Structure formats: C-alpha cells, structure tokens
Amino acid sequence: MAISLTQVDILTAFLHGIISFFSPCAIPLIPSFIALLISEKNIKSLWRILGFFIGLSATFSILGALSGSIGVLIDRLTMRYIAGSLILLMAILFLFQIQIFKVRSFNFYRFKSGGLFSGIIIGIGIGLVWIPCASPVLASILVIASTKGNVLKGLLMLFVYSLGISIPFLSIGGIVSRIFTRVSFKKPVFEKVLKYISAVLLFAIGILVFTGRLFG
C-alpha cells in the first residue's frame, strides 16, 4: 500500500508522543485538563472525550501533512542529512529546555460545558499547549515526517504521535501528574532524569536518520 507506514515509523512517532507527554511544563497542568474534560455527566462526558481526541489528533495531523509535503521538494540524500542534523539540534534544545514555539494562552474554561464540539475545542487548545512545552520533540517528529515525502504518511505519523500523548493522558495522566508534582518540590532529580533520557533518545533517532538507518 502506497501510504503505509513501517513498524519503525509507527514506533518512532508513538515514542515521540510519549516523550512529549512527559514534558515538565505540561505535567502539572494535566489534572485541571482532565477535570475540565470530564466536567459533564453521563453521555456528554463521553462526547467531550471523543471531541478531545478528534481535536488533538487533527491539530498534529495537519502539521504532519504539511511536513510530509515539504519532503517532496528536496532530494532524499539532502533531506536525510538535513533531517538528521535538525533532530540532533532538537535534542540539544530539549536538553536545555529551550522552547522553539510560543503560543498565547488559551482560555479553556470558556468551554467547561458542552459535548462533542466543546471537546474538540479543548483538544485543539491542549494540543497548542503541548506545542511550546515539547517543541524540540515535536519539531523532531515533524522533520522525520518530512523525510517521507508524502502528505498522507506525514499525516499518519503525526496522528500516531498524538496517540502517544492522548493514550497516557486519558489513562494515567492524573496519577503521573500527582506523582511528579509531589516529587518535584523535594527531588527535582526525577524531572532531570526524564529530560536526560528523552534527550538521549532524540540523539539516537537523529543519528539513525543521519546515517540512513531510520529514513524513507
């Protein structure tokens, strides 16, 4: 199938989403996000959660489609070196917690009630919050998506990336946030460990792309 992704592509995209989920600036906000998402009762709450998933996935999938279209304009060898170099740069930026993108504050509480549409808006807003928090990681997966030279492949990769954020967010987000919020006041070492592990993973991905072992 022309637009299929390899298992490596899927794993890489999902791993980037997991790393983004553990962004230090986003974790403390998760409990309030979850409370806002389930503020309605019964079926409305389910519609809001579905809307959240649609909104978050659409936000990143559009970025992925745009990135996939860029790869069409550049030959593969040049794209490989550019992509590898940029991902290595992103690893350095992530290590030093340097944000690339700046997004203005989003007033979530205007949408504290409602169903599917309200959930979609919240999903888009939460996606925008994660953009500056995990901008080097997001930039890294966007660069990889651009190496595919295919709009649909780029879209699918970023959809999988959004799953890497939304699945832990909806399943263990509250627990993770409470643990790291409590620990961070006394032992910021956990935050540093997460940062170093994530940076090492990005470095490894950058090297694999640069050498052609994770490219195509």
C-alpha atoms as a PDB file:
ATOM      1  CA  MET A   1       0.000   0.000   0.000  1.00  0.00           C
ATOM      2  CA  ALA A   2       1.484   3.332  -1.075  1.00  0.00           C
ATOM      3  CA  ILE A   3       0.753   5.242   2.122  1.00  0.00           C
ATOM      4  CA  SER A   4       1.533   2.511   4.670  1.00  0.00           C
ATOM      5  CA  LEU A   5       3.977   3.182   7.488  1.00  0.00           C
ATOM      6  CA  THR A   6       6.588   0.697   8.694  1.00  0.00           C
ATOM      7  CA  GLN A   7       6.615  -0.578  12.267  1.00  0.00           C
ATOM      8  CA  VAL A   8       9.698   1.579  12.853  1.00  0.00           C
ATOM      9  CA  ASP A   9       7.814   4.686  11.684  1.00  0.00           C
ATOM     10  CA  ILE A  10       4.897   3.917  13.985  1.00  0.00           C
ATOM     11  CA  LEU A  11       7.132   3.157  16.959  1.00  0.00           C
ATOM     12  CA  THR A  12       9.197   6.298  16.362  1.00  0.00           C
ATOM     13  CA  ALA A  13       6.118   8.518  16.152  1.00  0.00           C
ATOM     14  CA  PHE A  14       4.496   6.939  19.213  1.00  0.00           C
ATOM     15  CA  LEU A  15       7.733   7.249  21.201  1.00  0.00           C
ATOM     16  CA  HIS A  16       7.915  10.952  20.348  1.00  0.00           C
ATOM     17  CA  GLY A  17       4.360  11.314  21.673  1.00  0.00           C
ATOM     18  CA  ILE A  18       5.276   9.578  24.939  1.00  0.00           C
ATOM     19  CA  ILE A  19       8.300  11.876  25.360  1.00  0.00           C
ATOM     20  CA  SER A  20       6.055  14.882  24.719  1.00  0.00           C
ATOM     21  CA  PHE A  21       3.558  13.659  27.320  1.00  0.00           C
ATOM     22  CA  PHE A  22       6.299  13.805  29.956  1.00  0.00           C
ATOM     23  CA  SER A  23       7.204  17.419  29.167  1.00  0.00           C
ATOM     24  CA  PRO A  24       7.925  19.074  32.550  1.00  0.00           C
ATOM     25  CA  CYS A  25       5.865  22.188  31.800  1.00  0.00           C
ATOM     26  CA  ALA A  26       2.783  20.181  30.770  1.00  0.00           C
ATOM     27  CA  ILE A  27       2.585  17.539  33.518  1.00  0.00           C
ATOM     28  CA  PRO A  28       1.421  19.924  36.309  1.00  0.00           C
ATOM     29  CA  LEU A  29      -1.486  21.061  34.102  1.00  0.00           C
ATOM     30  CA  ILE A  30      -2.860  17.584  33.412  1.00  0.00           C
ATOM     31  CA  PRO A  31      -5.218  17.267  36.456  1.00  0.00           C
ATOM     32  CA  SER A  32      -7.008  20.507  35.585  1.00  0.00           C
ATOM     33  CA  PHE A  33      -7.247  19.429  31.934  1.00  0.00           C
ATOM     34  CA  ILE A  34      -8.778  16.084  32.917  1.00  0.00           C
ATOM     35  CA  ALA A  35     -11.214  17.742  35.356  1.00  0.00           C
ATOM     36  CA  LEU A  36     -12.302  20.112  32.605  1.00  0.00           C
ATOM     37  CA  LEU A  37     -12.714  17.263  30.146  1.00  0.00           C
ATOM     38  CA  ILE A  38     -14.997  15.222  32.425  1.00  0.00           C
ATOM     39  CA  SER A  39     -16.908  18.194  33.827  1.00  0.00           C
ATOM     40  CA  GLU A  40     -20.125  16.951  32.230  1.00  0.00           C
ATOM     41  CA  LYS A  41     -22.091  13.910  33.362  1.00  0.00           C
ATOM     42  CA  ASN A  42     -23.180  10.733  31.550  1.00  0.00           C
ATOM     43  CA  ILE A  43     -23.093  10.638  27.751  1.00  0.00           C
ATOM     44  CA  LYS A  44     -21.954  14.256  27.382  1.00  0.00           C
ATOM     45  CA  SER A  45     -18.676  13.398  29.089  1.00  0.00           C
ATOM     46  CA  LEU A  46     -18.039  10.614  26.556  1.00  0.00           C
ATOM     47  CA  TRP A  47     -18.750  13.012  23.684  1.00  0.00           C
ATOM     48  CA  ARG A  48     -16.315  15.532  25.210  1.00  0.00           C
ATOM     49  CA  ILE A  49     -13.585  12.899  25.452  1.00  0.00           C
ATOM     50  CA  LEU A  50     -14.202  11.865  21.839  1.00  0.00           C
ATOM     51  CA  GLY A  51     -14.100  15.531  20.821  1.00  0.00           C
ATOM     52  CA  PHE A  52     -10.814  15.980  22.711  1.00  0.00           C
ATOM     53  CA  PHE A  53      -9.280  13.096  20.797  1.00  0.00           C
ATOM     54  CA  ILE A  54     -10.508  14.480  17.468  1.00  0.00           C
ATOM     55  CA  GLY A  55      -9.257  17.993  18.227  1.00  0.00           C
ATOM     56  CA  LEU A  56      -5.833  16.901  19.495  1.00  0.00           C
ATOM     57  CA  SER A  57      -5.291  14.439  16.643  1.00  0.00           C
ATOM     58  CA  ALA A  58      -6.406  16.935  14.000  1.00  0.00           C
ATOM     59  CA  THR A  59      -4.045  19.625  15.350  1.00  0.00           C
ATOM     60  CA  PHE A  60      -0.959  17.443  14.979  1.00  0.00           C
ATOM     61  CA  SER A  61      -2.121  15.571  11.866  1.00  0.00           C
ATOM     62  CA  ILE A  62      -2.419  18.845   9.942  1.00  0.00           C
ATOM     63  CA  LEU A  63       1.144  19.728  10.948  1.00  0.00           C
ATOM     64  CA  GLY A  64       2.234  16.264   9.817  1.00  0.00           C
ATOM     65  CA  ALA A  65       0.558  16.640   6.426  1.00  0.00           C
ATOM     66  CA  LEU A  66       2.314  19.974   5.904  1.00  0.00           C
ATOM     67  CA  SER A  67       5.663  18.443   6.859  1.00  0.00           C
ATOM     68  CA  GLY A  68       5.136  15.448   4.589  1.00  0.00           C
ATOM     69  CA  SER A  69       4.578  17.776   1.645  1.00  0.00           C
ATOM     70  CA  ILE A  70       7.930  19.513   2.229  1.00  0.00           C
ATOM     71  CA  GLY A  71       9.902  16.333   1.584  1.00  0.00           C
ATOM     72  CA  VAL A  72       8.628  16.237  -1.994  1.00  0.00           C
ATOM     73  CA  LEU A  73      10.634  19.372  -2.782  1.00  0.00           C
ATOM     74  CA  ILE A  74      14.060  18.102  -1.633  1.00  0.00           C
ATOM     75  CA  ASP A  75      16.073  15.097  -2.868  1.00  0.00           C
ATOM     76  CA  ARG A  76      16.333  12.170  -0.434  1.00  0.00           C
ATOM     77  CA  LEU A  77      20.061  12.310   0.352  1.00  0.00           C
ATOM     78  CA  THR A  78      19.996  16.024   1.120  1.00  0.00           C
ATOM     79  CA  MET A  79      16.805  15.564   3.122  1.00  0.00           C
ATOM     80  CA  ARG A  80      18.426  12.807   5.161  1.00  0.00           C
ATOM     81  CA  TYR A  81      21.371  14.983   6.205  1.00  0.00           C
ATOM     82  CA  ILE A  82      19.177  17.992   6.896  1.00  0.00           C
ATOM     83  CA  ALA A  83      16.716  15.920   8.922  1.00  0.00           C
ATOM     84  CA  GLY A  84      19.398  14.160  10.958  1.00  0.00           C
ATOM     85  CA  SER A  85      21.171  17.413  11.745  1.00  0.00           C
ATOM     86  CA  LEU A  86      17.949  19.156  12.758  1.00  0.00           C
ATOM     87  CA  ILE A  87      16.920  16.304  15.073  1.00  0.00           C
ATOM     88  CA  LEU A  88      20.333  16.400  16.767  1.00  0.00           C
ATOM     89  CA  LEU A  89      19.810  20.139  17.242  1.00  0.00           C
ATOM     90  CA  MET A  90      16.347  19.457  18.686  1.00  0.00           C
ATOM     91  CA  ALA A  91      17.908  17.041  21.181  1.00  0.00           C
ATOM     92  CA  ILE A  92      20.234  19.800  22.391  1.00  0.00           C
ATOM     93  CA  LEU A  93      17.351  22.272  22.666  1.00  0.00           C
ATOM     94  CA  PHE A  94      15.278  19.740  24.615  1.00  0.00           C
ATOM     95  CA  LEU A  95      18.196  19.021  26.946  1.00  0.00           C
ATOM     96  CA  PHE A  96      18.434  22.718  27.817  1.00  0.00           C
ATOM     97  CA  GLN A  97      14.626  23.131  27.834  1.00  0.00           C
ATOM     98  CA  ILE A  98      14.654  25.784  25.110  1.00  0.00           C
ATOM     99  CA  GLN A  99      11.216  26.337  23.592  1.00  0.00           C
ATOM    100  CA  ILE A 100      11.019  26.971  19.855  1.00  0.00           C
ATOM    101  CA  PHE A 101       7.351  27.855  19.519  1.00  0.00           C
ATOM    102  CA  LYS A 102       5.427  30.336  21.630  1.00  0.00           C
ATOM    103  CA  VAL A 103       1.676  30.025  21.869  1.00  0.00           C
ATOM    104  CA  ARG A 104      -0.565  32.587  23.507  1.00  0.00           C
ATOM    105  CA  SER A 105      -2.633  31.464  26.495  1.00  0.00           C
ATOM    106  CA  PHE A 106      -5.870  29.677  25.705  1.00  0.00           C
ATOM    107  CA  ASN A 107      -8.961  30.207  27.873  1.00  0.00           C
ATOM    108  CA  PHE A 108     -10.135  26.618  28.360  1.00  0.00           C
ATOM    109  CA  TYR A 109     -12.842  27.484  30.850  1.00  0.00           C
ATOM    110  CA  ARG A 110     -14.963  29.156  28.205  1.00  0.00           C
ATOM    111  CA  PHE A 111     -15.688  25.555  27.157  1.00  0.00           C
ATOM    112  CA  LYS A 112     -16.267  23.979  30.576  1.00  0.00           C
ATOM    113  CA  SER A 113     -19.666  22.715  29.451  1.00  0.00           C
ATOM    114  CA  GLY A 114     -20.946  21.126  26.269  1.00  0.00           C
ATOM    115  CA  GLY A 115     -20.409  17.934  24.317  1.00  0.00           C
ATOM    116  CA  LEU A 116     -18.554  16.982  21.164  1.00  0.00           C
ATOM    117  CA  PHE A 117     -17.820  20.474  19.793  1.00  0.00           C
ATOM    118  CA  SER A 118     -16.637  21.732  23.170  1.00  0.00           C
ATOM    119  CA  GLY A 119     -14.369  18.680  23.464  1.00  0.00           C
ATOM    120  CA  ILE A 120     -12.891  19.352  20.015  1.00  0.00           C
ATOM    121  CA  ILE A 121     -12.018  22.916  21.013  1.00  0.00           C
ATOM    122  CA  ILE A 122     -10.433  21.671  24.261  1.00  0.00           C
ATOM    123  CA  GLY A 123      -8.433  19.088  22.289  1.00  0.00           C
ATOM    124  CA  ILE A 124      -7.124  21.773  19.942  1.00  0.00           C
ATOM    125  CA  GLY A 125      -6.297  24.021  22.905  1.00  0.00           C
ATOM    126  CA  ILE A 126      -4.441  21.261  24.761  1.00  0.00           C
ATOM    127  CA  GLY A 127      -2.547  20.483  21.560  1.00  0.00           C
ATOM    128  CA  LEU A 128      -1.481  24.125  21.369  1.00  0.00           C
ATOM    129  CA  VAL A 129      -0.310  23.973  25.000  1.00  0.00           C
ATOM    130  CA  TRP A 130       1.871  20.978  24.199  1.00  0.00           C
ATOM    131  CA  ILE A 131       3.473  22.708  21.196  1.00  0.00           C
ATOM    132  CA  PRO A 132       5.694  25.071  23.249  1.00  0.00           C
ATOM    133  CA  CYS A 133       6.160  22.550  26.082  1.00  0.00           C
ATOM    134  CA  ALA A 134       7.557  19.874  23.787  1.00  0.00           C
ATOM    135  CA  SER A 135       8.608  21.979  20.818  1.00  0.00           C
ATOM    136  CA  PRO A 136      12.004  20.277  20.200  1.00  0.00           C
ATOM    137  CA  VAL A 137      10.343  16.840  20.325  1.00  0.00           C
ATOM    138  CA  LEU A 138       7.514  17.983  18.063  1.00  0.00           C
ATOM    139  CA  ALA A 139       9.997  19.570  15.665  1.00  0.00           C
ATOM    140  CA  SER A 140      11.927  16.298  15.597  1.00  0.00           C
ATOM    141  CA  ILE A 141       8.929  14.187  14.564  1.00  0.00           C
ATOM    142  CA  LEU A 142       7.869  16.840  12.042  1.00  0.00           C
ATOM    143  CA  VAL A 143      11.326  16.624  10.484  1.00  0.00           C
ATOM    144  CA  ILE A 144      11.057  12.833  10.303  1.00  0.00           C
ATOM    145  CA  ALA A 145       7.596  13.178   8.743  1.00  0.00           C
ATOM    146  CA  SER A 146       9.066  15.495   6.124  1.00  0.00           C
ATOM    147  CA  THR A 147      11.547  12.775   5.098  1.00  0.00           C
ATOM    148  CA  LYS A 148       8.627  10.610   3.980  1.00  0.00           C
ATOM    149  CA  GLY A 149       7.948  12.950   1.059  1.00  0.00           C
ATOM    150  CA  ASN A 150       4.268  12.092   1.261  1.00  0.00           C
ATOM    151  CA  VAL A 151       1.404  14.156   2.677  1.00  0.00           C
ATOM    152  CA  LEU A 152      -0.592  11.143   3.894  1.00  0.00           C
ATOM    153  CA  LYS A 153       2.434   9.488   5.503  1.00  0.00           C
ATOM    154  CA  GLY A 154       3.223  12.735   7.318  1.00  0.00           C
ATOM    155  CA  LEU A 155      -0.394  12.986   8.461  1.00  0.00           C
ATOM    156  CA  LEU A 156      -0.420   9.385   9.697  1.00  0.00           C
ATOM    157  CA  MET A 157       2.867   9.778  11.587  1.00  0.00           C
ATOM    158  CA  LEU A 158       1.599  12.799  13.464  1.00  0.00           C
ATOM    159  CA  PHE A 159      -1.697  11.030  14.155  1.00  0.00           C
ATOM    160  CA  VAL A 160       0.304   8.239  15.818  1.00  0.00           C
ATOM    161  CA  TYR A 161       2.290  10.935  17.648  1.00  0.00           C
ATOM    162  CA  SER A 162      -0.984  12.343  19.016  1.00  0.00           C
ATOM    163  CA  LEU A 163      -1.867   8.836  20.257  1.00  0.00           C
ATOM    164  CA  GLY A 164       1.399   8.837  22.203  1.00  0.00           C
ATOM    165  CA  ILE A 165       0.126  11.899  24.069  1.00  0.00           C
ATOM    166  CA  SER A 166      -3.596  11.161  24.341  1.00  0.00           C
ATOM    167  CA  ILE A 167      -3.449   7.498  25.455  1.00  0.00           C
ATOM    168  CA  PRO A 168      -1.353   8.108  28.613  1.00  0.00           C
ATOM    169  CA  PHE A 169      -3.168  11.426  29.134  1.00  0.00           C
ATOM    170  CA  LEU A 170      -6.578   9.723  29.323  1.00  0.00           C
ATOM    171  CA  SER A 171      -5.399   6.597  31.161  1.00  0.00           C
ATOM    172  CA  ILE A 172      -2.704   7.511  33.689  1.00  0.00           C
ATOM    173  CA  GLY A 173      -2.395  11.280  33.299  1.00  0.00           C
ATOM    174  CA  GLY A 174      -3.787  12.190  36.713  1.00  0.00           C
ATOM    175  CA  ILE A 175      -1.637   9.644  38.563  1.00  0.00           C
ATOM    176  CA  VAL A 176       1.556  10.651  36.746  1.00  0.00           C
ATOM    177  CA  SER A 177       0.912  14.333  37.372  1.00  0.00           C
ATOM    178  CA  ARG A 178       0.310  13.848  41.096  1.00  0.00           C
ATOM    179  CA  ILE A 179       3.448  11.745  41.491  1.00  0.00           C
ATOM    180  CA  PHE A 180       5.748  14.156  39.677  1.00  0.00           C
ATOM    181  CA  THR A 181       4.180  17.270  41.195  1.00  0.00           C
ATOM    182  CA  ARG A 182       4.736  15.957  44.712  1.00  0.00           C
ATOM    183  CA  VAL A 183       8.224  14.688  43.995  1.00  0.00           C
ATOM    184  CA  SER A 184       9.378  17.800  42.138  1.00  0.00           C
ATOM    185  CA  PHE A 185       9.211  20.043  45.217  1.00  0.00           C
ATOM    186  CA  LYS A 186      11.728  17.867  47.061  1.00  0.00           C
ATOM    187  CA  LYS A 187      13.544  15.861  44.419  1.00  0.00           C
ATOM    188  CA  PRO A 188      13.735  17.549  41.023  1.00  0.00           C
ATOM    189  CA  VAL A 189      16.109  14.715  40.089  1.00  0.00           C
ATOM    190  CA  PHE A 190      13.160  12.825  38.550  1.00  0.00           C
ATOM    191  CA  GLU A 191      12.493  15.701  36.189  1.00  0.00           C
ATOM    192  CA  LYS A 192      16.167  15.772  35.241  1.00  0.00           C
ATOM    193  CA  VAL A 193      16.243  12.014  34.634  1.00  0.00           C
ATOM    194  CA  LEU A 194      13.241  12.277  32.293  1.00  0.00           C
ATOM    195  CA  LYS A 195      14.894  15.157  30.480  1.00  0.00           C
ATOM    196  CA  TYR A 196      18.187  13.295  30.028  1.00  0.00           C
ATOM    197  CA  ILE A 197      16.531  10.054  28.890  1.00  0.00           C
ATOM    198  CA  SER A 198      14.387  11.939  26.371  1.00  0.00           C
ATOM    199  CA  ALA A 199      17.394  13.887  25.056  1.00  0.00           C
ATOM    200  CA  VAL A 200      19.395  10.667  24.627  1.00  0.00           C
ATOM    201  CA  LEU A 201      16.514   9.088  22.696  1.00  0.00           C
ATOM    202  CA  LEU A 202      16.327  12.114  20.406  1.00  0.00           C
ATOM    203  CA  PHE A 203      20.097  11.997  19.864  1.00  0.00           C
ATOM    204  CA  ALA A 204      19.836   8.304  18.938  1.00  0.00           C
ATOM    205  CA  ILE A 205      16.991   8.985  16.495  1.00  0.00           C
ATOM    206  CA  GLY A 206      18.949  11.864  14.960  1.00  0.00           C
ATOM    207  CA  ILE A 207      21.989   9.679  14.395  1.00  0.00           C
ATOM    208  CA  LEU A 208      19.859   6.893  12.887  1.00  0.00           C
ATOM    209  CA  VAL A 209      18.246   9.359  10.479  1.00  0.00           C
ATOM    210  CA  PHE A 210      21.580  10.975   9.574  1.00  0.00           C
ATOM    211  CA  THR A 211      23.182   7.583   8.805  1.00  0.00           C
ATOM    212  CA  GLY A 212      20.173   6.453   6.767  1.00  0.00           C
ATOM    213  CA  ARG A 213      19.054   3.694   9.146  1.00  0.00           C
ATOM    214  CA  LEU A 214      15.815   5.465  10.014  1.00  0.00           C
ATOM    215  CA  PHE A 215      14.927   7.155   6.778  1.00  0.00           C
ATOM    216  CA  GLY A 216      12.475   6.626   3.956  1.00  0.00           C
END
